[in-house]
N, C-alpha and C. Protein backbone atom coordinates (compact mmCIF):
# COMPACT_ATOMS: atom_id res chain seq x y z
N MET A 1 0.84 -1.17 0.00
CA MET A 1 0.00 0.00 0.00
C MET A 1 0.89 1.24 0.00
N PRO A 2 0.93 2.00 -1.08
CA PRO A 2 1.69 3.25 -1.09
C PRO A 2 1.04 4.29 -0.19
N CYS A 3 1.86 5.01 0.55
CA CYS A 3 1.38 6.08 1.42
C CYS A 3 2.16 7.35 1.10
N LEU A 4 1.44 8.40 0.76
CA LEU A 4 2.03 9.70 0.47
C LEU A 4 1.65 10.65 1.59
N TYR A 5 2.65 11.19 2.28
CA TYR A 5 2.42 12.11 3.37
C TYR A 5 3.01 13.47 2.97
N ILE A 6 2.13 14.46 2.82
CA ILE A 6 2.54 15.80 2.39
C ILE A 6 2.40 16.76 3.56
N SER A 7 3.47 17.49 3.85
CA SER A 7 3.44 18.55 4.86
C SER A 7 3.73 19.87 4.16
N THR A 8 3.00 20.90 4.54
CA THR A 8 3.22 22.22 3.96
C THR A 8 3.15 23.28 5.04
N ASN A 9 3.80 24.40 4.78
CA ASN A 9 3.73 25.50 5.72
C ASN A 9 2.51 26.39 5.47
N LEU A 10 1.70 26.07 4.50
CA LEU A 10 0.49 26.83 4.22
C LEU A 10 -0.60 26.47 5.23
N LYS A 11 -1.42 27.45 5.56
CA LYS A 11 -2.60 27.20 6.38
C LYS A 11 -3.67 26.65 5.45
N LEU A 12 -4.20 25.50 5.76
CA LEU A 12 -5.17 24.85 4.89
C LEU A 12 -6.61 25.00 5.38
N ASP A 13 -6.80 25.67 6.50
CA ASP A 13 -8.16 25.91 7.00
C ASP A 13 -8.95 26.68 5.96
N GLY A 14 -10.09 26.15 5.58
CA GLY A 14 -10.94 26.82 4.60
C GLY A 14 -10.51 26.62 3.15
N VAL A 15 -9.42 25.90 2.93
CA VAL A 15 -8.95 25.63 1.56
C VAL A 15 -9.55 24.30 1.10
N ASP A 16 -10.10 24.28 -0.10
CA ASP A 16 -10.64 23.03 -0.65
C ASP A 16 -9.47 22.16 -1.10
N THR A 17 -9.18 21.12 -0.34
CA THR A 17 -8.05 20.24 -0.63
C THR A 17 -8.47 18.95 -1.32
N ASP A 18 -9.75 18.81 -1.63
CA ASP A 18 -10.24 17.58 -2.26
C ASP A 18 -9.49 17.24 -3.53
N SER A 19 -9.18 18.26 -4.34
CA SER A 19 -8.49 17.99 -5.61
C SER A 19 -7.06 17.51 -5.36
N VAL A 20 -6.41 17.99 -4.30
CA VAL A 20 -5.07 17.50 -3.98
C VAL A 20 -5.13 16.02 -3.66
N PHE A 21 -6.09 15.63 -2.83
CA PHE A 21 -6.24 14.22 -2.47
C PHE A 21 -6.55 13.35 -3.69
N SER A 22 -7.51 13.75 -4.49
CA SER A 22 -7.91 12.91 -5.63
C SER A 22 -6.82 12.84 -6.70
N GLU A 23 -6.22 13.99 -7.03
CA GLU A 23 -5.18 13.99 -8.06
C GLU A 23 -3.92 13.25 -7.61
N ALA A 24 -3.54 13.43 -6.35
CA ALA A 24 -2.35 12.74 -5.83
C ALA A 24 -2.58 11.24 -5.77
N THR A 25 -3.77 10.83 -5.36
CA THR A 25 -4.10 9.40 -5.31
C THR A 25 -4.00 8.78 -6.69
N LYS A 26 -4.61 9.42 -7.67
CA LYS A 26 -4.58 8.91 -9.05
C LYS A 26 -3.16 8.87 -9.59
N ALA A 27 -2.39 9.92 -9.32
CA ALA A 27 -1.02 9.99 -9.84
C ALA A 27 -0.14 8.90 -9.24
N VAL A 28 -0.19 8.73 -7.93
CA VAL A 28 0.63 7.70 -7.28
C VAL A 28 0.25 6.31 -7.79
N ALA A 29 -1.04 6.05 -7.87
CA ALA A 29 -1.50 4.74 -8.36
C ALA A 29 -1.00 4.47 -9.79
N ARG A 30 -1.16 5.46 -10.65
CA ARG A 30 -0.76 5.29 -12.05
C ARG A 30 0.75 5.13 -12.19
N ILE A 31 1.51 5.97 -11.52
CA ILE A 31 2.96 5.98 -11.68
C ILE A 31 3.61 4.74 -11.07
N ILE A 32 3.14 4.33 -9.90
CA ILE A 32 3.73 3.16 -9.23
C ILE A 32 3.12 1.85 -9.74
N GLY A 33 1.92 1.94 -10.29
CA GLY A 33 1.28 0.75 -10.81
C GLY A 33 0.50 -0.03 -9.76
N ARG A 34 -0.17 0.69 -8.88
CA ARG A 34 -0.98 0.07 -7.83
C ARG A 34 -2.42 0.56 -7.98
N PRO A 35 -3.39 -0.22 -7.50
CA PRO A 35 -4.78 0.25 -7.56
C PRO A 35 -4.99 1.47 -6.66
N GLU A 36 -5.84 2.38 -7.10
CA GLU A 36 -6.14 3.58 -6.31
C GLU A 36 -6.65 3.23 -4.92
N LYS A 37 -7.40 2.14 -4.82
CA LYS A 37 -7.98 1.79 -3.52
C LYS A 37 -6.92 1.43 -2.48
N LEU A 38 -5.67 1.23 -2.91
CA LEU A 38 -4.59 0.90 -1.98
C LEU A 38 -3.69 2.10 -1.66
N VAL A 39 -3.97 3.25 -2.25
CA VAL A 39 -3.12 4.43 -2.06
C VAL A 39 -3.68 5.29 -0.92
N MET A 40 -2.82 5.63 0.04
CA MET A 40 -3.21 6.52 1.13
C MET A 40 -2.49 7.85 0.94
N VAL A 41 -3.23 8.95 1.12
CA VAL A 41 -2.65 10.28 1.03
C VAL A 41 -3.00 11.04 2.31
N LEU A 42 -1.98 11.61 2.94
CA LEU A 42 -2.16 12.45 4.12
C LEU A 42 -1.66 13.84 3.77
N LEU A 43 -2.37 14.85 4.22
CA LEU A 43 -2.00 16.23 3.93
C LEU A 43 -2.10 17.04 5.22
N LYS A 44 -0.99 17.63 5.62
CA LYS A 44 -0.96 18.40 6.86
C LYS A 44 -0.45 19.81 6.56
N GLY A 45 -1.21 20.81 6.99
CA GLY A 45 -0.83 22.19 6.79
C GLY A 45 -0.31 22.82 8.07
N SER A 46 0.13 24.07 7.96
CA SER A 46 0.63 24.86 9.09
C SER A 46 1.83 24.23 9.77
N VAL A 47 2.65 23.53 8.99
CA VAL A 47 3.87 22.92 9.51
C VAL A 47 5.00 23.95 9.36
N GLY A 48 5.81 24.11 10.38
CA GLY A 48 6.93 25.03 10.27
C GLY A 48 7.95 24.52 9.27
N ILE A 49 8.08 25.21 8.14
CA ILE A 49 9.05 24.83 7.10
C ILE A 49 9.79 26.08 6.65
N SER A 50 11.09 26.01 6.69
CA SER A 50 11.94 27.04 6.10
C SER A 50 12.71 26.36 4.97
N PHE A 51 12.67 26.95 3.80
CA PHE A 51 13.34 26.37 2.63
C PHE A 51 14.12 27.49 1.96
N GLY A 52 15.40 27.29 1.79
CA GLY A 52 16.23 28.32 1.18
C GLY A 52 16.35 29.56 2.04
N GLY A 53 16.18 29.39 3.34
CA GLY A 53 16.33 30.51 4.26
C GLY A 53 15.10 31.38 4.43
N ASN A 54 13.96 30.97 3.83
CA ASN A 54 12.74 31.76 4.02
C ASN A 54 11.54 30.84 4.23
N LYS A 55 10.44 31.42 4.64
CA LYS A 55 9.24 30.64 4.96
C LYS A 55 8.12 30.85 3.94
N GLU A 56 8.50 31.13 2.69
CA GLU A 56 7.50 31.22 1.63
C GLU A 56 6.90 29.84 1.42
N ALA A 57 5.80 29.77 0.68
CA ALA A 57 5.09 28.51 0.45
C ALA A 57 6.05 27.40 0.03
N ALA A 58 5.98 26.28 0.77
CA ALA A 58 6.85 25.14 0.49
C ALA A 58 6.16 23.87 0.96
N ALA A 59 6.65 22.74 0.48
CA ALA A 59 6.09 21.45 0.90
C ALA A 59 7.18 20.39 0.94
N TYR A 60 7.00 19.47 1.87
CA TYR A 60 7.87 18.29 2.01
C TYR A 60 6.94 17.09 1.98
N ALA A 61 7.32 16.08 1.23
CA ALA A 61 6.48 14.88 1.16
C ALA A 61 7.35 13.63 1.26
N GLU A 62 6.75 12.59 1.81
CA GLU A 62 7.38 11.27 1.86
C GLU A 62 6.44 10.29 1.22
N LEU A 63 6.98 9.45 0.37
CA LEU A 63 6.20 8.39 -0.24
C LEU A 63 6.84 7.06 0.17
N ILE A 64 6.05 6.21 0.79
CA ILE A 64 6.51 4.88 1.19
C ILE A 64 5.72 3.87 0.37
N SER A 65 6.44 2.93 -0.23
CA SER A 65 5.79 1.94 -1.07
C SER A 65 6.48 0.59 -0.93
N MET A 66 5.71 -0.44 -1.11
CA MET A 66 6.27 -1.80 -1.15
C MET A 66 6.51 -2.15 -2.61
N GLY A 67 7.67 -1.77 -3.13
CA GLY A 67 8.02 -2.05 -4.52
C GLY A 67 7.48 -1.00 -5.47
N GLY A 68 7.83 -1.16 -6.74
CA GLY A 68 7.36 -0.27 -7.78
C GLY A 68 8.18 0.99 -7.94
N ILE A 69 9.28 1.12 -7.20
CA ILE A 69 10.07 2.34 -7.23
C ILE A 69 11.34 2.13 -8.06
N THR A 70 11.48 2.94 -9.08
CA THR A 70 12.68 2.97 -9.91
C THR A 70 13.09 4.43 -10.06
N ARG A 71 14.25 4.68 -10.68
CA ARG A 71 14.67 6.07 -10.93
C ARG A 71 13.64 6.82 -11.76
N LYS A 72 13.14 6.15 -12.79
CA LYS A 72 12.15 6.77 -13.67
C LYS A 72 10.88 7.10 -12.88
N VAL A 73 10.45 6.19 -12.03
CA VAL A 73 9.26 6.41 -11.20
C VAL A 73 9.47 7.60 -10.28
N LYS A 74 10.65 7.68 -9.64
CA LYS A 74 10.94 8.80 -8.74
C LYS A 74 10.85 10.13 -9.48
N ARG A 75 11.46 10.20 -10.66
CA ARG A 75 11.43 11.44 -11.45
C ARG A 75 10.00 11.84 -11.80
N GLU A 76 9.21 10.85 -12.21
CA GLU A 76 7.82 11.15 -12.59
C GLU A 76 6.99 11.56 -11.38
N LEU A 77 7.23 10.93 -10.24
CA LEU A 77 6.52 11.31 -9.02
C LEU A 77 6.83 12.75 -8.64
N ILE A 78 8.10 13.12 -8.64
CA ILE A 78 8.51 14.48 -8.27
C ILE A 78 7.85 15.50 -9.21
N SER A 79 7.93 15.24 -10.50
CA SER A 79 7.36 16.16 -11.49
C SER A 79 5.84 16.28 -11.35
N THR A 80 5.17 15.14 -11.29
CA THR A 80 3.71 15.13 -11.25
C THR A 80 3.17 15.71 -9.95
N LEU A 81 3.73 15.28 -8.82
CA LEU A 81 3.25 15.80 -7.53
C LEU A 81 3.57 17.28 -7.38
N GLY A 82 4.72 17.70 -7.89
CA GLY A 82 5.06 19.12 -7.87
C GLY A 82 4.06 19.95 -8.64
N THR A 83 3.62 19.43 -9.78
CA THR A 83 2.62 20.12 -10.59
C THR A 83 1.28 20.19 -9.86
N ILE A 84 0.90 19.09 -9.22
CA ILE A 84 -0.37 19.06 -8.46
C ILE A 84 -0.35 20.11 -7.35
N LEU A 85 0.76 20.20 -6.63
CA LEU A 85 0.85 21.17 -5.54
C LEU A 85 0.87 22.60 -6.06
N GLN A 86 1.50 22.80 -7.20
CA GLN A 86 1.53 24.14 -7.80
C GLN A 86 0.13 24.56 -8.25
N GLN A 87 -0.57 23.67 -8.95
CA GLN A 87 -1.88 24.01 -9.49
C GLN A 87 -2.94 24.17 -8.41
N ASN A 88 -2.85 23.40 -7.33
CA ASN A 88 -3.90 23.41 -6.32
C ASN A 88 -3.59 24.26 -5.08
N LEU A 89 -2.30 24.40 -4.74
CA LEU A 89 -1.94 25.14 -3.53
C LEU A 89 -0.96 26.29 -3.80
N SER A 90 -0.61 26.51 -5.06
CA SER A 90 0.33 27.58 -5.46
C SER A 90 1.71 27.42 -4.82
N ILE A 91 2.14 26.19 -4.64
CA ILE A 91 3.49 25.91 -4.14
C ILE A 91 4.39 25.70 -5.36
N PRO A 92 5.40 26.53 -5.55
CA PRO A 92 6.28 26.37 -6.71
C PRO A 92 7.00 25.01 -6.66
N PRO A 93 7.12 24.33 -7.79
CA PRO A 93 7.80 23.03 -7.82
C PRO A 93 9.22 23.09 -7.25
N ALA A 94 9.88 24.23 -7.39
CA ALA A 94 11.24 24.36 -6.87
C ALA A 94 11.27 24.44 -5.35
N ARG A 95 10.10 24.55 -4.72
CA ARG A 95 10.01 24.60 -3.26
C ARG A 95 9.30 23.37 -2.71
N PHE A 96 9.43 22.27 -3.45
CA PHE A 96 8.83 20.99 -3.08
C PHE A 96 9.94 19.94 -3.03
N PHE A 97 9.98 19.20 -1.93
CA PHE A 97 10.98 18.15 -1.75
C PHE A 97 10.25 16.84 -1.50
N LEU A 98 10.65 15.79 -2.20
CA LEU A 98 10.02 14.47 -2.06
C LEU A 98 11.06 13.44 -1.66
N LYS A 99 10.77 12.72 -0.60
CA LYS A 99 11.60 11.60 -0.15
C LYS A 99 10.82 10.33 -0.49
N VAL A 100 11.47 9.41 -1.19
CA VAL A 100 10.82 8.16 -1.59
C VAL A 100 11.52 6.99 -0.90
N PHE A 101 10.71 6.12 -0.32
CA PHE A 101 11.25 4.97 0.40
C PHE A 101 10.55 3.70 -0.07
N ASP A 102 11.33 2.75 -0.55
CA ASP A 102 10.82 1.45 -1.00
C ASP A 102 11.10 0.43 0.10
N THR A 103 10.06 -0.06 0.75
CA THR A 103 10.24 -0.98 1.88
C THR A 103 10.81 -2.33 1.46
N THR A 104 10.68 -2.69 0.20
CA THR A 104 11.21 -3.99 -0.23
C THR A 104 12.72 -3.99 -0.26
N LEU A 105 13.34 -2.83 -0.28
CA LEU A 105 14.80 -2.78 -0.27
C LEU A 105 15.36 -3.14 1.10
N MET A 106 14.51 -3.16 2.11
CA MET A 106 14.96 -3.47 3.46
C MET A 106 14.84 -4.95 3.79
N ARG A 107 14.24 -5.71 2.91
CA ARG A 107 14.10 -7.15 3.16
C ARG A 107 15.43 -7.84 2.93
N PRO A 108 15.90 -8.60 3.90
CA PRO A 108 17.18 -9.28 3.72
C PRO A 108 17.06 -10.45 2.75
N SER A 109 18.05 -10.58 1.90
CA SER A 109 18.13 -11.76 1.05
C SER A 109 19.03 -12.76 1.76
N GLY A 110 19.19 -13.92 1.22
CA GLY A 110 20.06 -14.92 1.83
C GLY A 110 21.48 -14.42 1.98
N ASP A 111 21.95 -13.57 1.05
CA ASP A 111 23.31 -13.04 1.11
C ASP A 111 23.46 -11.99 2.19
N ASP A 112 22.34 -11.39 2.61
CA ASP A 112 22.40 -10.33 3.60
C ASP A 112 22.38 -10.83 5.03
N ILE A 113 22.05 -12.08 5.22
CA ILE A 113 21.93 -12.62 6.56
C ILE A 113 23.28 -13.14 7.02
N ILE A 114 23.71 -12.66 8.17
CA ILE A 114 24.99 -13.10 8.73
C ILE A 114 24.70 -13.82 10.03
N VAL A 115 25.21 -15.02 10.12
CA VAL A 115 25.01 -15.81 11.32
C VAL A 115 26.37 -15.95 12.04
N SER A 116 26.37 -15.62 13.29
CA SER A 116 27.59 -15.72 14.07
C SER A 116 27.72 -17.13 14.62
N LYS A 117 28.86 -17.74 14.39
CA LYS A 117 29.10 -19.09 14.91
C LYS A 117 30.13 -18.97 16.02
N LEU A 118 29.73 -19.21 17.23
CA LEU A 118 30.66 -19.13 18.36
C LEU A 118 31.15 -20.48 18.77
């Protein structure tokens, strides 16, 4: 289940964020290749963020997924999500940072397991 967690320094009270949720869900599902019903999106506003030494509109996001992450996927996620945030929340793409984490990379293979023999 991919989970996208977006934090922004913008106040979101009274802002219609439905389009951010729907567009981000569709984009993550399409780009990673998972059904929309398995994609979770969290959006939190009023987070203290300083980027480039100032507190102008900015966003930080983390995407956690079980597989489906490649260099090409990362590039497309950054571009697409940056566009969604720009169009819906007026956050410039240059003030958006995305951290991507693939949980399958943490699974040990047989070569990764070390057994101590005393």
